[in-house]
N, C-alpha and C. Protein backbone atom coordinates (compact mmCIF):
# COMPACT_ATOMS: atom_id res chain seq x y z
N MET A 1 0.82 -1.19 0.00
CA MET A 1 0.00 0.00 0.00
C MET A 1 0.87 1.26 0.00
N LEU A 2 1.86 1.27 0.86
CA LEU A 2 2.73 2.45 0.93
C LEU A 2 3.52 2.64 -0.36
N GLY A 3 4.00 1.55 -0.91
CA GLY A 3 4.75 1.64 -2.16
C GLY A 3 3.89 2.12 -3.31
N LEU A 4 2.66 1.64 -3.39
CA LEU A 4 1.76 2.10 -4.44
C LEU A 4 1.41 3.57 -4.24
N GLY A 5 1.20 3.95 -2.99
CA GLY A 5 0.93 5.36 -2.70
C GLY A 5 2.12 6.24 -3.06
N ALA A 6 3.31 5.78 -2.75
CA ALA A 6 4.53 6.54 -3.06
C ALA A 6 4.72 6.67 -4.57
N LEU A 7 4.35 5.64 -5.31
CA LEU A 7 4.46 5.69 -6.77
C LEU A 7 3.68 6.88 -7.34
N ALA A 8 2.55 7.18 -6.74
CA ALA A 8 1.72 8.28 -7.23
C ALA A 8 2.37 9.64 -7.04
N LEU A 9 3.43 9.71 -6.25
CA LEU A 9 4.15 10.98 -6.08
C LEU A 9 4.80 11.46 -7.38
N ILE A 10 4.78 10.60 -8.38
CA ILE A 10 5.25 10.99 -9.71
C ILE A 10 4.44 12.19 -10.21
N ARG A 11 3.13 12.21 -9.90
CA ARG A 11 2.27 13.31 -10.37
C ARG A 11 2.79 14.67 -9.90
N PRO A 12 2.91 14.90 -8.58
CA PRO A 12 3.40 16.23 -8.18
C PRO A 12 4.86 16.46 -8.56
N LEU A 13 5.65 15.40 -8.64
CA LEU A 13 7.04 15.56 -9.04
C LEU A 13 7.15 16.11 -10.46
N LEU A 14 6.30 15.63 -11.35
CA LEU A 14 6.29 16.14 -12.72
C LEU A 14 5.91 17.61 -12.76
N ASN A 15 5.02 18.03 -11.85
CA ASN A 15 4.63 19.45 -11.81
C ASN A 15 5.72 20.32 -11.20
N VAL A 16 6.26 19.88 -10.07
CA VAL A 16 7.27 20.68 -9.35
C VAL A 16 8.51 20.89 -10.21
N THR A 17 8.90 19.87 -10.94
CA THR A 17 10.11 19.96 -11.76
C THR A 17 9.87 20.70 -13.08
N GLY A 18 8.60 20.94 -13.42
CA GLY A 18 8.28 21.60 -14.68
C GLY A 18 8.22 20.66 -15.87
N ILE A 19 8.43 19.38 -15.63
CA ILE A 19 8.42 18.40 -16.72
C ILE A 19 7.04 18.33 -17.36
N ALA A 20 5.99 18.38 -16.55
CA ALA A 20 4.62 18.29 -17.08
C ALA A 20 4.36 19.42 -18.08
N ASP A 21 4.70 20.65 -17.72
CA ASP A 21 4.48 21.78 -18.62
C ASP A 21 5.38 21.72 -19.84
N ALA A 22 6.60 21.22 -19.66
CA ALA A 22 7.52 21.11 -20.79
C ALA A 22 7.02 20.08 -21.81
N LEU A 23 6.41 19.00 -21.32
CA LEU A 23 5.91 17.97 -22.23
C LEU A 23 4.64 18.42 -22.94
N SER A 24 3.74 19.04 -22.17
CA SER A 24 2.47 19.47 -22.75
C SER A 24 1.74 20.37 -21.76
N PRO A 25 1.64 21.65 -22.07
CA PRO A 25 0.91 22.53 -21.16
C PRO A 25 -0.56 22.08 -21.06
N GLY A 26 -1.15 22.31 -19.92
CA GLY A 26 -2.55 21.93 -19.74
C GLY A 26 -2.68 20.61 -19.01
N PRO A 27 -3.85 20.01 -19.11
CA PRO A 27 -4.14 18.82 -18.29
C PRO A 27 -3.67 17.48 -18.88
N THR A 28 -3.08 17.48 -20.06
CA THR A 28 -2.75 16.21 -20.71
C THR A 28 -1.82 15.34 -19.86
N VAL A 29 -0.70 15.88 -19.43
CA VAL A 29 0.27 15.08 -18.67
C VAL A 29 -0.31 14.60 -17.34
N PRO A 30 -0.98 15.47 -16.55
CA PRO A 30 -1.56 14.96 -15.31
C PRO A 30 -2.60 13.85 -15.54
N VAL A 31 -3.42 13.99 -16.57
CA VAL A 31 -4.44 12.97 -16.85
C VAL A 31 -3.78 11.66 -17.27
N VAL A 32 -2.83 11.74 -18.19
CA VAL A 32 -2.14 10.52 -18.66
C VAL A 32 -1.38 9.88 -17.49
N THR A 33 -0.74 10.70 -16.67
CA THR A 33 -0.01 10.17 -15.52
C THR A 33 -0.96 9.45 -14.56
N THR A 34 -2.11 10.03 -14.31
CA THR A 34 -3.10 9.41 -13.43
C THR A 34 -3.58 8.07 -14.00
N VAL A 35 -3.82 8.04 -15.30
CA VAL A 35 -4.26 6.79 -15.94
C VAL A 35 -3.18 5.72 -15.83
N VAL A 36 -1.94 6.10 -16.07
CA VAL A 36 -0.82 5.13 -15.99
C VAL A 36 -0.66 4.62 -14.56
N ILE A 37 -0.71 5.52 -13.57
CA ILE A 37 -0.59 5.09 -12.17
C ILE A 37 -1.74 4.16 -11.80
N THR A 38 -2.95 4.49 -12.24
CA THR A 38 -4.10 3.63 -11.96
C THR A 38 -3.89 2.25 -12.57
N ALA A 39 -3.40 2.20 -13.80
CA ALA A 39 -3.14 0.91 -14.45
C ALA A 39 -2.09 0.11 -13.69
N VAL A 40 -1.05 0.78 -13.20
CA VAL A 40 -0.02 0.09 -12.42
C VAL A 40 -0.61 -0.43 -11.12
N TRP A 41 -1.41 0.39 -10.43
CA TRP A 41 -2.05 -0.05 -9.18
C TRP A 41 -2.91 -1.29 -9.43
N VAL A 42 -3.76 -1.23 -10.45
CA VAL A 42 -4.67 -2.34 -10.75
C VAL A 42 -3.87 -3.59 -11.11
N THR A 43 -2.90 -3.43 -11.98
CA THR A 43 -2.08 -4.57 -12.40
C THR A 43 -1.34 -5.18 -11.21
N ALA A 44 -0.80 -4.34 -10.34
CA ALA A 44 -0.05 -4.85 -9.19
C ALA A 44 -0.91 -5.71 -8.28
N VAL A 45 -2.12 -5.25 -7.96
CA VAL A 45 -2.95 -6.03 -7.03
C VAL A 45 -3.54 -7.26 -7.69
N VAL A 46 -3.78 -7.19 -9.01
CA VAL A 46 -4.30 -8.37 -9.72
C VAL A 46 -3.21 -9.43 -9.86
N VAL A 47 -2.04 -9.03 -10.30
CA VAL A 47 -0.93 -9.98 -10.49
C VAL A 47 -0.50 -10.59 -9.15
N ALA A 48 -0.45 -9.77 -8.12
CA ALA A 48 -0.04 -10.26 -6.79
C ALA A 48 -1.16 -11.03 -6.09
N ARG A 49 -2.35 -11.03 -6.71
CA ARG A 49 -3.52 -11.71 -6.13
C ARG A 49 -3.75 -11.26 -4.68
N VAL A 50 -3.70 -9.95 -4.48
CA VAL A 50 -3.93 -9.34 -3.18
C VAL A 50 -5.33 -9.76 -2.71
N PRO A 51 -5.47 -10.24 -1.47
CA PRO A 51 -6.77 -10.74 -1.00
C PRO A 51 -7.89 -9.70 -1.02
N ARG A 52 -7.57 -8.46 -0.72
CA ARG A 52 -8.60 -7.40 -0.70
C ARG A 52 -8.15 -6.22 -1.55
N PRO A 53 -8.30 -6.34 -2.87
CA PRO A 53 -7.79 -5.27 -3.75
C PRO A 53 -8.47 -3.92 -3.53
N LEU A 54 -9.76 -3.92 -3.24
CA LEU A 54 -10.46 -2.66 -3.03
C LEU A 54 -9.90 -1.93 -1.80
N LEU A 55 -9.82 -2.64 -0.71
CA LEU A 55 -9.30 -2.04 0.53
C LEU A 55 -7.82 -1.63 0.37
N THR A 56 -7.06 -2.48 -0.29
CA THR A 56 -5.64 -2.18 -0.51
C THR A 56 -5.47 -0.89 -1.31
N LEU A 57 -6.27 -0.71 -2.35
CA LEU A 57 -6.10 0.48 -3.19
C LEU A 57 -6.71 1.72 -2.55
N VAL A 58 -7.73 1.57 -1.72
CA VAL A 58 -8.21 2.72 -0.95
C VAL A 58 -7.08 3.20 -0.03
N HIS A 59 -6.42 2.24 0.61
CA HIS A 59 -5.29 2.61 1.48
C HIS A 59 -4.13 3.20 0.68
N ALA A 60 -3.89 2.71 -0.52
CA ALA A 60 -2.84 3.30 -1.38
C ALA A 60 -3.19 4.75 -1.70
N GLY A 61 -4.45 5.01 -2.02
CA GLY A 61 -4.89 6.38 -2.29
C GLY A 61 -4.73 7.27 -1.07
N LEU A 62 -5.09 6.74 0.10
CA LEU A 62 -4.92 7.51 1.34
C LEU A 62 -3.45 7.77 1.62
N ALA A 63 -2.61 6.76 1.39
CA ALA A 63 -1.17 6.93 1.60
C ALA A 63 -0.64 8.04 0.69
N TYR A 64 -1.05 8.01 -0.57
CA TYR A 64 -0.62 9.07 -1.48
C TYR A 64 -1.09 10.43 -0.97
N GLY A 65 -2.33 10.52 -0.51
CA GLY A 65 -2.84 11.78 0.01
C GLY A 65 -2.00 12.32 1.15
N VAL A 66 -1.64 11.44 2.08
CA VAL A 66 -0.79 11.85 3.20
C VAL A 66 0.58 12.28 2.69
N PHE A 67 1.16 11.48 1.80
CA PHE A 67 2.47 11.83 1.24
C PHE A 67 2.41 13.19 0.52
N ALA A 68 1.34 13.44 -0.23
CA ALA A 68 1.21 14.69 -0.98
C ALA A 68 1.11 15.89 -0.03
N VAL A 69 0.31 15.76 1.03
CA VAL A 69 0.15 16.86 1.98
C VAL A 69 1.47 17.13 2.69
N VAL A 70 2.13 16.07 3.14
CA VAL A 70 3.40 16.24 3.87
C VAL A 70 4.49 16.79 2.94
N SER A 71 4.59 16.25 1.74
CA SER A 71 5.64 16.73 0.83
C SER A 71 5.39 18.19 0.44
N SER A 72 4.14 18.58 0.28
CA SER A 72 3.83 19.97 -0.01
C SER A 72 4.25 20.87 1.14
N ALA A 73 4.01 20.41 2.36
CA ALA A 73 4.37 21.21 3.54
C ALA A 73 5.89 21.36 3.66
N ILE A 74 6.61 20.35 3.22
CA ILE A 74 8.07 20.41 3.31
C ILE A 74 8.67 21.18 2.14
N LEU A 75 8.18 20.89 0.93
CA LEU A 75 8.80 21.46 -0.27
C LEU A 75 8.38 22.89 -0.58
N SER A 76 7.14 23.26 -0.30
CA SER A 76 6.70 24.60 -0.69
C SER A 76 7.51 25.71 -0.01
N PRO A 77 7.82 25.61 1.29
CA PRO A 77 8.66 26.67 1.86
C PRO A 77 10.06 26.70 1.24
N LEU A 78 10.58 25.53 0.89
CA LEU A 78 11.92 25.49 0.29
C LEU A 78 11.93 26.03 -1.13
N LEU A 79 10.90 25.69 -1.91
CA LEU A 79 10.87 26.07 -3.32
C LEU A 79 10.20 27.41 -3.57
N GLN A 80 9.22 27.78 -2.75
CA GLN A 80 8.44 29.00 -2.97
C GLN A 80 8.71 30.08 -1.92
N GLY A 81 9.39 29.70 -0.84
CA GLY A 81 9.69 30.65 0.20
C GLY A 81 8.61 30.81 1.26
N GLU A 82 7.50 30.10 1.09
CA GLU A 82 6.42 30.14 2.08
C GLU A 82 5.58 28.88 1.97
N LEU A 83 4.87 28.59 3.05
CA LEU A 83 4.00 27.42 3.06
C LEU A 83 2.86 27.63 2.09
N GLN A 84 2.68 26.68 1.19
CA GLN A 84 1.57 26.68 0.25
C GLN A 84 0.99 25.28 0.22
N GLY A 85 -0.16 25.15 -0.40
CA GLY A 85 -0.76 23.83 -0.54
C GLY A 85 -1.85 23.56 0.47
N PRO A 86 -2.18 22.29 0.66
CA PRO A 86 -3.33 21.91 1.48
C PRO A 86 -3.30 22.41 2.92
N LEU A 87 -2.15 22.49 3.53
CA LEU A 87 -2.11 22.88 4.94
C LEU A 87 -2.43 24.35 5.16
N THR A 88 -2.53 25.12 4.09
CA THR A 88 -2.87 26.54 4.25
C THR A 88 -4.38 26.77 4.28
N HIS A 89 -5.16 25.73 4.05
CA HIS A 89 -6.62 25.83 4.05
C HIS A 89 -7.18 24.80 5.03
N PRO A 90 -8.12 25.20 5.88
CA PRO A 90 -8.55 24.31 6.97
C PRO A 90 -9.12 22.96 6.53
N PHE A 91 -9.87 22.91 5.43
CA PHE A 91 -10.50 21.65 5.04
C PHE A 91 -9.79 20.94 3.89
N ALA A 92 -8.76 21.55 3.36
CA ALA A 92 -8.06 20.98 2.20
C ALA A 92 -7.44 19.60 2.47
N PRO A 93 -6.77 19.38 3.61
CA PRO A 93 -6.21 18.04 3.83
C PRO A 93 -7.29 16.95 3.83
N VAL A 94 -8.45 17.26 4.37
CA VAL A 94 -9.54 16.27 4.38
C VAL A 94 -10.01 16.00 2.96
N SER A 95 -10.13 17.05 2.15
CA SER A 95 -10.57 16.84 0.77
C SER A 95 -9.51 16.10 -0.05
N VAL A 96 -8.23 16.38 0.21
CA VAL A 96 -7.15 15.65 -0.47
C VAL A 96 -7.26 14.15 -0.15
N LEU A 97 -7.46 13.84 1.11
CA LEU A 97 -7.59 12.43 1.51
C LEU A 97 -8.83 11.80 0.91
N ALA A 98 -9.95 12.52 0.90
CA ALA A 98 -11.20 11.98 0.36
C ALA A 98 -11.08 11.71 -1.14
N VAL A 99 -10.53 12.66 -1.88
CA VAL A 99 -10.39 12.49 -3.33
C VAL A 99 -9.47 11.31 -3.65
N ASN A 100 -8.38 11.19 -2.91
CA ASN A 100 -7.44 10.11 -3.20
C ASN A 100 -7.94 8.76 -2.71
N ALA A 101 -8.75 8.74 -1.66
CA ALA A 101 -9.41 7.50 -1.24
C ALA A 101 -10.39 7.06 -2.33
N LEU A 102 -11.10 8.02 -2.91
CA LEU A 102 -12.03 7.71 -4.01
C LEU A 102 -11.27 7.17 -5.22
N TRP A 103 -10.13 7.79 -5.54
CA TRP A 103 -9.29 7.29 -6.64
C TRP A 103 -8.90 5.84 -6.36
N GLY A 104 -8.47 5.57 -5.13
CA GLY A 104 -8.12 4.21 -4.77
C GLY A 104 -9.31 3.26 -4.86
N ALA A 105 -10.48 3.72 -4.44
CA ALA A 105 -11.69 2.88 -4.49
C ALA A 105 -12.06 2.55 -5.94
N LEU A 106 -12.01 3.54 -6.81
CA LEU A 106 -12.32 3.29 -8.22
C LEU A 106 -11.29 2.33 -8.83
N SER A 107 -10.04 2.50 -8.46
CA SER A 107 -9.00 1.58 -8.93
C SER A 107 -9.25 0.18 -8.40
N GLY A 108 -9.68 0.09 -7.15
CA GLY A 108 -9.99 -1.21 -6.55
C GLY A 108 -11.14 -1.91 -7.26
N VAL A 109 -12.15 -1.14 -7.64
CA VAL A 109 -13.27 -1.72 -8.39
C VAL A 109 -12.77 -2.24 -9.73
N LEU A 110 -11.92 -1.47 -10.41
CA LEU A 110 -11.33 -1.94 -11.67
C LEU A 110 -10.54 -3.23 -11.46
N ALA A 111 -9.82 -3.32 -10.35
CA ALA A 111 -9.05 -4.53 -10.05
C ALA A 111 -9.98 -5.72 -9.81
N LEU A 112 -11.07 -5.50 -9.12
CA LEU A 112 -12.04 -6.59 -8.89
C LEU A 112 -12.64 -7.06 -10.21
N VAL A 113 -12.98 -6.13 -11.08
CA VAL A 113 -13.54 -6.48 -12.40
C VAL A 113 -12.50 -7.24 -13.22
N ALA A 114 -11.25 -6.77 -13.21
CA ALA A 114 -10.19 -7.44 -13.97
C ALA A 114 -9.95 -8.84 -13.43
N ARG A 115 -9.91 -8.97 -12.11
CA ARG A 115 -9.69 -10.28 -11.52
C ARG A 115 -10.83 -11.24 -11.87
N ALA A 116 -12.06 -10.77 -11.79
CA ALA A 116 -13.21 -11.62 -12.12
C ALA A 116 -13.15 -12.06 -13.58
N ALA A 117 -12.79 -11.14 -14.46
CA ALA A 117 -12.68 -11.48 -15.89
C ALA A 117 -11.59 -12.51 -16.12
N LEU A 118 -10.46 -12.33 -15.46
CA LEU A 118 -9.36 -13.29 -15.61
C LEU A 118 -9.75 -14.66 -15.04
N ASP A 119 -10.42 -14.67 -13.90
CA ASP A 119 -10.85 -15.94 -13.31
C ASP A 119 -11.87 -16.64 -14.20
N ARG A 120 -12.79 -15.88 -14.78
CA ARG A 120 -13.77 -16.46 -15.69
C ARG A 120 -13.08 -17.06 -16.90
N GLY A 121 -12.12 -16.33 -17.45
CA GLY A 121 -11.37 -16.81 -18.62
C GLY A 121 -10.56 -18.06 -18.32
N ALA A 122 -10.06 -18.18 -17.09
CA ALA A 122 -9.26 -19.34 -16.70
C ALA A 122 -10.12 -20.59 -16.55
N HIS A 123 -11.41 -20.41 -16.24
CA HIS A 123 -12.29 -21.57 -16.02
C HIS A 123 -13.06 -21.97 -17.27
N HIS A 124 -13.00 -21.14 -18.32
CA HIS A 124 -13.69 -21.46 -19.56
C HIS A 124 -12.72 -21.49 -20.72
N PRO A 125 -12.35 -22.71 -21.13
CA PRO A 125 -11.38 -22.81 -22.24
C PRO A 125 -11.91 -22.32 -23.56
């Protein structure tokens, strides 16, 4: 769960380094990055035959949310000279966690569907 959550830190890393804007201004890179991370999450829990893929990926989403809030709190003063991001707004950390838990839940549902399809295919030659 922690490793999958940490993998999602690629999203803010691409923004902080300017790579996302250099590749394509606008939402293209963040959207493609999110789709790729989701595919990796789903593939990882399906291939590893994780007993509870939905719960595992909800926790991965929550882990990413915590990592994102903490990294923003550490990096924004260093890079921008002042605290910016979720910790500057009273309800933002809760919304960050909720959105990323939802991302994990949707990924978990995709993993359950993929696993069911693979199991069906394995039992029907």
